[in-house]
Amino acid sequence: MTASLGRPTLRTDRNDDTRAGTMGPATTTRAGSRGREVTVEEHDQRDGEPTDDALGAIPIAARVHLSHTVVQALADRHGVDLLHLKGPAVLPGLREPGRHSSDVDVLVRPSHLPALVTALESIGWEQRTTFATGSVFAHAANWWHDDWGWVDVHLHWPGVTVEAERAYDIFARDLVQHPIAHRPCPVPGVAAQRLILVLHSARSGGTTDVQHAWEAAGPDEQAAVRALAVELGAEVALAAGIGELEQHRDDPTYLLWRHFVHGGTRIDEWRARWAAARGVKAKSHLLTAAMRVNQDHLRMELGRPPTKEEIRAKQRERLHKLRNEVRSRVRARVGQP
């Protein structure tokens, strides 16, 4: 495998982008029916052995397993510290059986990010989203490879509030070598994985991960997760995932996690993000983001780089939706139909 990391054995002449095009499991960031954040890294498969049309008749699960090993081989070669997350990296018993991730998720030591980017791009991965545009938390960016698919590179995990380098050390403290496609890959220990899955569930509006990672855990195991959350400054996010969010109503991030769990309008989301933003710089960046179209996500919707007119059209659409939402809220307050 390491002799020719750039290409798998099975080739295809299809170069469709599975997130951006209509072939395969396309996903974009959008508000779901409950207002939850659906991010570019979230697209699990549950239907038997789905295949990725953009990459040929290769079962997605098989391709993802192999892609994990390619990323690990690159990390080993370039001296990069990283942890594999979700999908085949989840330890047995912590997740619903039969679920398959359609991309590779890794948490990289922040100081090693430049080396990882160099390694990925050296064999053909292309960056498609930036950390600033990837999600509300600006925690991950995405790289696409025509053969190996998507890699989501995380600098930190949403809900964790301690400094990112420190957080990596904590997550890696009890790492285990977990075989993926017969190659040992470093993954967080059991308590850390439970926490990661619960935080992800909270941000996704609730998933079955909580049942397996939290509710099925014994008292001592739950206590270990709570202690880890305290160490990582993730108490509010954990509370959101396990139904205890109301205990943190005075926290600046309360509204944001409430929005993720219960949904709401775009105005509700921006209000929550404003409350959670800490400092003048963060609030300034938020205002800028609110005024601009996310061109990375628009590219994934279209399957190609957007034109200037398409960007302007999306901006008009955003303003139109905002105007209608404001009108609806005003009418609701004055009791008009």
Protein backbone atom coordinates (compact mmCIF):
# COMPACT_ATOMS: atom_id res chain seq x y z
CA MET A 1 0.00 0.00 0.00
CA THR A 2 2.67 2.53 0.95
CA ALA A 3 4.55 2.02 -2.30
CA SER A 4 1.79 3.70 -4.31
CA LEU A 5 -0.41 5.63 -1.93
CA GLY A 6 -1.89 7.83 -4.62
CA ARG A 7 -4.11 5.21 -6.25
CA PRO A 8 -6.11 2.19 -5.14
CA THR A 9 -6.02 -1.04 -7.10
CA LEU A 10 -9.54 -0.47 -8.43
CA ARG A 11 -9.61 2.50 -10.77
CA THR A 12 -12.48 4.44 -12.29
CA ASP A 13 -12.75 7.00 -15.03
CA ARG A 14 -15.47 8.81 -13.12
CA ASN A 15 -14.36 12.02 -11.42
CA ASP A 16 -17.67 13.09 -9.91
CA ASP A 17 -17.53 14.74 -6.52
CA THR A 18 -19.78 12.64 -4.30
CA ARG A 19 -20.70 15.55 -2.07
CA ALA A 20 -21.20 18.07 -4.77
CA GLY A 21 -22.78 16.12 -7.60
CA THR A 22 -25.86 14.00 -7.95
CA MET A 23 -23.97 10.72 -8.02
CA GLY A 24 -23.35 9.06 -4.68
CA PRO A 25 -24.08 10.37 -1.18
CA ALA A 26 -24.06 14.10 -1.79
CA THR A 27 -24.17 16.21 1.35
CA THR A 28 -24.04 19.88 2.17
CA THR A 29 -24.29 21.98 5.26
CA ARG A 30 -27.91 22.85 5.81
CA ALA A 31 -30.56 23.08 8.46
CA GLY A 32 -32.43 19.84 8.82
CA SER A 33 -36.07 19.44 9.72
CA ARG A 34 -35.21 20.02 13.38
CA GLY A 35 -32.84 22.88 12.63
CA ARG A 36 -29.83 20.71 13.39
CA GLU A 37 -26.46 21.40 11.84
CA VAL A 38 -25.69 18.86 9.12
CA THR A 39 -22.02 19.35 8.43
CA VAL A 40 -19.89 18.29 5.55
CA GLU A 41 -18.33 15.52 7.60
CA GLU A 42 -21.60 13.86 8.59
CA HIS A 43 -22.89 11.20 6.22
CA ASP A 44 -23.12 7.71 7.65
CA GLN A 45 -24.48 4.88 5.57
CA ARG A 46 -26.75 2.16 6.92
CA ASP A 47 -28.13 0.39 3.87
CA GLY A 48 -26.14 -2.81 3.61
CA GLU A 49 -23.22 -2.39 1.24
CA PRO A 50 -23.76 0.92 -0.59
CA THR A 51 -21.34 1.79 -3.34
CA ASP A 52 -19.85 5.13 -4.25
CA ASP A 53 -20.83 5.82 -7.85
CA ALA A 54 -18.19 8.53 -8.16
CA LEU A 55 -15.45 6.04 -7.33
CA GLY A 56 -16.73 3.04 -9.26
CA ALA A 57 -18.49 -0.06 -7.94
CA ILE A 58 -16.49 -0.12 -4.72
CA PRO A 59 -18.46 -0.60 -1.50
CA ILE A 60 -18.19 2.64 0.44
CA ALA A 61 -17.26 0.83 3.64
CA ALA A 62 -14.36 -0.93 1.90
CA ARG A 63 -13.08 2.27 0.34
CA VAL A 64 -13.27 4.14 3.66
CA HIS A 65 -11.36 1.38 5.46
CA LEU A 66 -8.61 1.51 2.85
CA SER A 67 -8.54 5.32 2.92
CA HIS A 68 -7.96 5.26 6.67
CA THR A 69 -4.88 3.11 6.08
CA VAL A 70 -3.59 5.45 3.38
CA VAL A 71 -3.92 8.44 5.70
CA GLN A 72 -2.16 6.53 8.48
CA ALA A 73 0.65 5.51 6.13
CA LEU A 74 1.11 9.17 5.20
CA ALA A 75 1.08 10.17 8.87
CA ASP A 76 3.72 7.57 9.69
CA ARG A 77 5.86 8.64 6.76
CA HIS A 78 5.71 12.35 7.63
CA GLY A 79 5.83 12.08 11.42
CA VAL A 80 2.29 13.39 11.95
CA ASP A 81 0.38 12.72 15.17
CA LEU A 82 -3.29 12.06 14.51
CA LEU A 83 -6.21 10.05 15.84
CA HIS A 84 -8.80 8.28 13.71
CA LEU A 85 -12.41 9.06 14.62
CA LYS A 86 -15.85 7.67 13.86
CA GLY A 87 -16.68 5.02 11.27
CA PRO A 88 -14.31 2.05 11.36
CA ALA A 89 -12.27 3.79 14.08
CA VAL A 90 -15.06 3.35 16.65
CA LEU A 91 -14.28 0.61 19.14
CA PRO A 92 -16.64 -2.41 19.27
CA GLY A 93 -19.88 -1.93 21.17
CA LEU A 94 -19.89 1.86 21.12
CA ARG A 95 -22.02 2.38 18.05
CA GLU A 96 -25.08 0.99 16.31
CA PRO A 97 -24.10 -2.11 14.29
CA GLY A 98 -24.28 -1.81 10.53
CA ARG A 99 -23.44 1.87 10.25
CA HIS A 100 -20.78 2.86 7.72
CA SER A 101 -19.12 6.23 7.40
CA SER A 102 -18.53 7.51 3.88
CA ASP A 103 -15.36 9.45 4.61
CA VAL A 104 -12.28 9.47 6.82
CA ASP A 105 -12.33 11.58 9.98
CA VAL A 106 -9.07 12.37 11.77
CA LEU A 107 -8.10 14.65 14.63
CA VAL A 108 -4.61 16.02 14.00
CA ARG A 109 -2.23 17.53 16.51
CA PRO A 110 -2.63 21.22 15.57
CA SER A 111 1.10 21.87 15.32
CA HIS A 112 1.33 18.99 12.82
CA LEU A 113 -1.39 20.31 10.49
CA PRO A 114 1.02 21.79 7.89
CA ALA A 115 2.85 18.46 7.60
CA LEU A 116 -0.42 16.56 7.19
CA VAL A 117 -1.66 18.95 4.51
CA THR A 118 1.61 18.56 2.63
CA ALA A 119 1.33 14.78 2.89
CA LEU A 120 -2.28 14.65 1.69
CA GLU A 121 -1.73 17.00 -1.21
CA SER A 122 1.45 15.21 -2.26
CA ILE A 123 -0.63 12.27 -3.51
CA GLY A 124 -3.56 14.18 -4.95
CA TRP A 125 -5.95 15.23 -2.19
CA GLU A 126 -7.40 18.69 -2.90
CA GLN A 127 -8.77 21.01 -0.23
CA ARG A 128 -12.45 21.79 -0.79
CA THR A 129 -13.46 23.63 2.40
CA THR A 130 -11.51 25.72 4.88
CA PHE A 131 -11.66 25.57 8.64
CA ALA A 132 -13.45 28.94 8.67
CA THR A 133 -16.26 27.73 6.40
CA GLY A 134 -16.54 24.09 7.44
CA SER A 135 -19.01 24.55 10.30
CA VAL A 136 -20.23 26.83 13.08
CA PHE A 137 -17.25 25.72 15.17
CA ALA A 138 -14.62 26.23 12.45
CA HIS A 139 -13.21 22.92 13.59
CA ALA A 140 -12.60 20.95 10.39
CA ALA A 141 -11.64 21.27 6.75
CA ASN A 142 -12.19 18.79 3.94
CA TRP A 143 -9.96 17.28 1.28
CA TRP A 144 -11.15 15.32 -1.77
CA HIS A 145 -9.28 12.65 -3.75
CA ASP A 146 -10.69 11.19 -6.96
CA ASP A 147 -9.75 7.68 -5.86
CA TRP A 148 -9.72 7.74 -2.07
CA GLY A 149 -12.64 10.08 -1.46
CA TRP A 150 -13.05 12.53 1.41
CA VAL A 151 -10.83 13.19 4.39
CA ASP A 152 -12.19 15.46 7.12
CA VAL A 153 -9.30 16.93 9.10
CA HIS A 154 -10.28 18.14 12.57
CA LEU A 155 -8.19 20.61 14.58
CA HIS A 156 -10.48 20.28 17.56
CA TRP A 157 -13.79 18.65 18.46
CA PRO A 158 -16.96 20.77 18.76
CA GLY A 159 -17.94 21.26 22.38
CA VAL A 160 -14.38 21.07 23.69
CA THR A 161 -13.26 24.47 24.95
CA VAL A 162 -9.68 23.96 26.16
CA GLU A 163 -6.81 24.95 23.89
CA ALA A 164 -6.61 22.64 20.87
CA GLU A 165 -3.08 21.32 21.42
CA ARG A 166 -3.92 20.50 25.03
CA ALA A 167 -7.15 18.83 23.95
CA TYR A 168 -5.25 16.63 21.52
CA ASP A 169 -2.90 15.50 24.28
CA ILE A 170 -5.86 14.59 26.47
CA PHE A 171 -7.63 12.66 23.72
CA ALA A 172 -4.39 10.86 22.83
CA ARG A 173 -3.43 10.05 26.40
CA ASP A 174 -5.16 6.66 26.44
CA LEU A 175 -5.06 5.94 22.72
CA VAL A 176 -5.17 2.38 21.48
CA GLN A 177 -3.99 0.86 18.23
CA HIS A 178 -7.15 -0.29 16.46
CA PRO A 179 -6.86 -2.37 13.26
CA ILE A 180 -8.50 -0.82 10.21
CA ALA A 181 -8.08 -2.83 7.00
CA HIS A 182 -5.40 -4.83 8.85
CA ARG A 183 -3.30 -1.75 9.66
CA PRO A 184 -2.96 -0.53 13.27
CA CYS A 185 -4.39 2.98 13.54
CA PRO A 186 -4.32 5.14 16.69
CA VAL A 187 -7.80 5.87 18.05
CA PRO A 188 -8.94 7.50 21.30
CA GLY A 189 -9.57 5.26 24.30
CA VAL A 190 -13.03 4.10 25.33
CA ALA A 191 -13.96 7.05 27.57
CA ALA A 192 -12.78 9.56 24.98
CA GLN A 193 -14.70 7.79 22.23
CA ARG A 194 -17.86 7.80 24.31
CA LEU A 195 -17.49 11.54 24.82
CA ILE A 196 -16.73 12.21 21.15
CA LEU A 197 -19.82 10.28 20.03
CA VAL A 198 -22.12 12.00 22.53
CA LEU A 199 -20.85 15.45 21.56
CA HIS A 200 -21.34 14.61 17.90
CA SER A 201 -24.87 13.44 18.64
CA ALA A 202 -25.67 16.67 20.48
CA ARG A 203 -24.50 18.74 17.53
CA SER A 204 -26.55 16.57 15.16
CA GLY A 205 -29.84 16.94 17.00
CA GLY A 206 -29.68 13.49 18.59
CA THR A 207 -28.59 10.13 17.18
CA THR A 208 -28.52 6.51 18.28
CA ASP A 209 -24.90 7.07 19.31
CA VAL A 210 -26.12 8.24 22.71
CA GLN A 211 -27.87 4.93 23.34
CA HIS A 212 -24.72 2.93 22.69
CA ALA A 213 -22.03 5.33 23.93
CA TRP A 214 -23.81 6.71 27.00
CA GLU A 215 -27.01 4.97 28.03
CA ALA A 216 -25.47 1.51 27.70
CA ALA A 217 -22.47 2.54 29.82
CA GLY A 218 -22.28 1.61 33.49
CA PRO A 219 -22.05 4.17 36.32
CA ASP A 220 -18.26 4.00 36.50
CA GLU A 221 -17.96 4.37 32.73
CA GLN A 222 -20.28 7.39 32.73
CA ALA A 223 -18.31 8.91 35.60
CA ALA A 224 -15.13 8.56 33.54
CA VAL A 225 -16.78 10.38 30.64
CA ARG A 226 -17.98 13.18 32.93
CA ALA A 227 -14.50 13.58 34.39
CA LEU A 228 -13.01 13.75 30.90
CA ALA A 229 -15.58 16.36 29.88
CA VAL A 230 -14.56 18.53 32.83
CA GLU A 231 -10.90 18.22 31.86
CA LEU A 232 -11.72 19.23 28.28
CA GLY A 233 -14.13 22.01 29.19
CA ALA A 234 -16.93 20.10 27.45
CA GLU A 235 -19.48 19.95 30.27
CA VAL A 236 -22.15 21.98 28.46
CA ALA A 237 -21.85 19.99 25.24
CA LEU A 238 -22.01 16.71 27.16
CA ALA A 239 -25.08 17.95 29.01
CA ALA A 240 -26.72 18.77 25.68
CA GLY A 241 -26.10 15.23 24.49
CA ILE A 242 -27.46 13.47 27.58
CA GLY A 243 -30.48 15.65 28.36
CA GLU A 244 -29.02 17.85 31.09
CA LEU A 245 -28.61 21.10 29.16
CA GLU A 246 -31.05 23.08 31.33
CA GLN A 247 -28.53 22.88 34.15
CA HIS A 248 -26.34 25.29 32.14
CA ARG A 249 -28.76 28.07 31.22
CA ASP A 250 -26.28 30.75 32.33
CA ASP A 251 -23.48 29.51 30.08
CA PRO A 252 -22.75 31.65 26.97
CA THR A 253 -23.03 28.55 24.76
CA TYR A 254 -26.38 27.43 26.17
CA LEU A 255 -28.46 28.92 23.33
CA LEU A 256 -26.20 27.42 20.70
CA TRP A 257 -26.46 23.90 22.08
CA ARG A 258 -30.18 24.35 22.63
CA HIS A 259 -30.48 25.25 18.95
CA PHE A 260 -28.61 22.12 17.92
CA VAL A 261 -30.74 19.89 20.13
CA HIS A 262 -34.17 21.43 19.56
CA GLY A 263 -33.83 23.30 16.28
CA GLY A 264 -35.04 26.77 15.39
CA THR A 265 -34.90 29.46 12.74
CA ARG A 266 -31.85 31.00 11.14
CA ILE A 267 -32.35 34.08 13.29
CA ASP A 268 -32.37 31.84 16.35
CA GLU A 269 -29.13 30.27 15.17
CA TRP A 270 -27.35 33.58 14.60
CA ARG A 271 -28.58 34.88 17.94
CA ALA A 272 -27.18 31.77 19.59
CA ARG A 273 -23.88 32.07 17.75
CA TRP A 274 -23.60 35.73 18.77
CA ALA A 275 -24.12 34.83 22.42
CA ALA A 276 -21.50 32.08 22.19
CA ALA A 277 -18.88 34.21 20.40
CA ARG A 278 -16.22 35.29 22.86
CA GLY A 279 -14.48 38.60 22.37
CA VAL A 280 -14.62 41.39 19.82
CA LYS A 281 -12.63 39.46 17.22
CA ALA A 282 -14.96 36.45 17.32
CA LYS A 283 -18.06 38.63 17.07
CA SER A 284 -16.52 40.58 14.19
CA HIS A 285 -15.82 37.37 12.29
CA LEU A 286 -19.37 36.25 12.96
CA LEU A 287 -20.82 39.43 11.48
CA THR A 288 -18.68 38.97 8.38
CA ALA A 289 -19.83 35.37 8.00
CA ALA A 290 -23.47 36.39 8.38
CA MET A 291 -23.20 38.80 5.45
CA ARG A 292 -21.41 36.50 3.02
CA VAL A 293 -22.43 33.46 1.02
CA ASN A 294 -20.46 30.37 2.01
CA GLN A 295 -18.87 29.69 -1.37
CA ASP A 296 -17.36 26.37 -0.28
CA HIS A 297 -20.80 24.98 0.49
CA LEU A 298 -22.29 26.49 -2.65
CA ARG A 299 -19.61 24.74 -4.66
CA MET A 300 -20.63 21.42 -3.11
CA GLU A 301 -24.28 22.09 -3.89
CA LEU A 302 -23.48 22.82 -7.53
CA GLY A 303 -20.74 20.25 -8.08
CA ARG A 304 -18.41 22.92 -9.48
CA PRO A 305 -17.08 26.36 -8.60
CA PRO A 306 -19.96 28.87 -8.57
CA THR A 307 -20.11 31.75 -11.00
CA LYS A 308 -20.36 35.34 -9.81
CA GLU A 309 -24.01 35.43 -10.83
CA GLU A 310 -24.74 32.25 -8.85
CA ILE A 311 -23.10 33.79 -5.79
CA ARG A 312 -25.19 36.93 -6.22
CA ALA A 313 -28.33 34.82 -6.66
CA LYS A 314 -27.57 32.90 -3.48
CA GLN A 315 -27.03 36.19 -1.65
CA ARG A 316 -30.42 37.45 -2.85
CA GLU A 317 -31.98 34.18 -1.72
CA ARG A 318 -30.46 34.56 1.75
CA LEU A 319 -31.76 38.12 2.06
CA HIS A 320 -35.21 37.07 0.85
CA LYS A 321 -35.40 34.28 3.43
CA LEU A 322 -34.21 36.62 6.16
CA ARG A 323 -36.82 39.22 5.24
CA ASN A 324 -39.61 36.63 5.29
CA GLU A 325 -38.45 35.27 8.63
CA VAL A 326 -38.34 38.73 10.19
CA ARG A 327 -41.84 39.44 8.91
CA SER A 328 -43.12 36.17 10.34
CA ARG A 329 -41.63 36.93 13.74
CA VAL A 330 -43.12 40.43 13.76
CA ARG A 331 -46.55 39.10 12.83
CA ALA A 332 -46.35 36.46 15.51
CA ARG A 333 -45.57 39.08 18.14
CA VAL A 334 -48.46 41.35 17.20
CA GLY A 335 -50.87 38.44 16.79
CA GLN A 336 -51.46 38.83 13.05
CA PRO A 337 -52.12 35.77 10.86
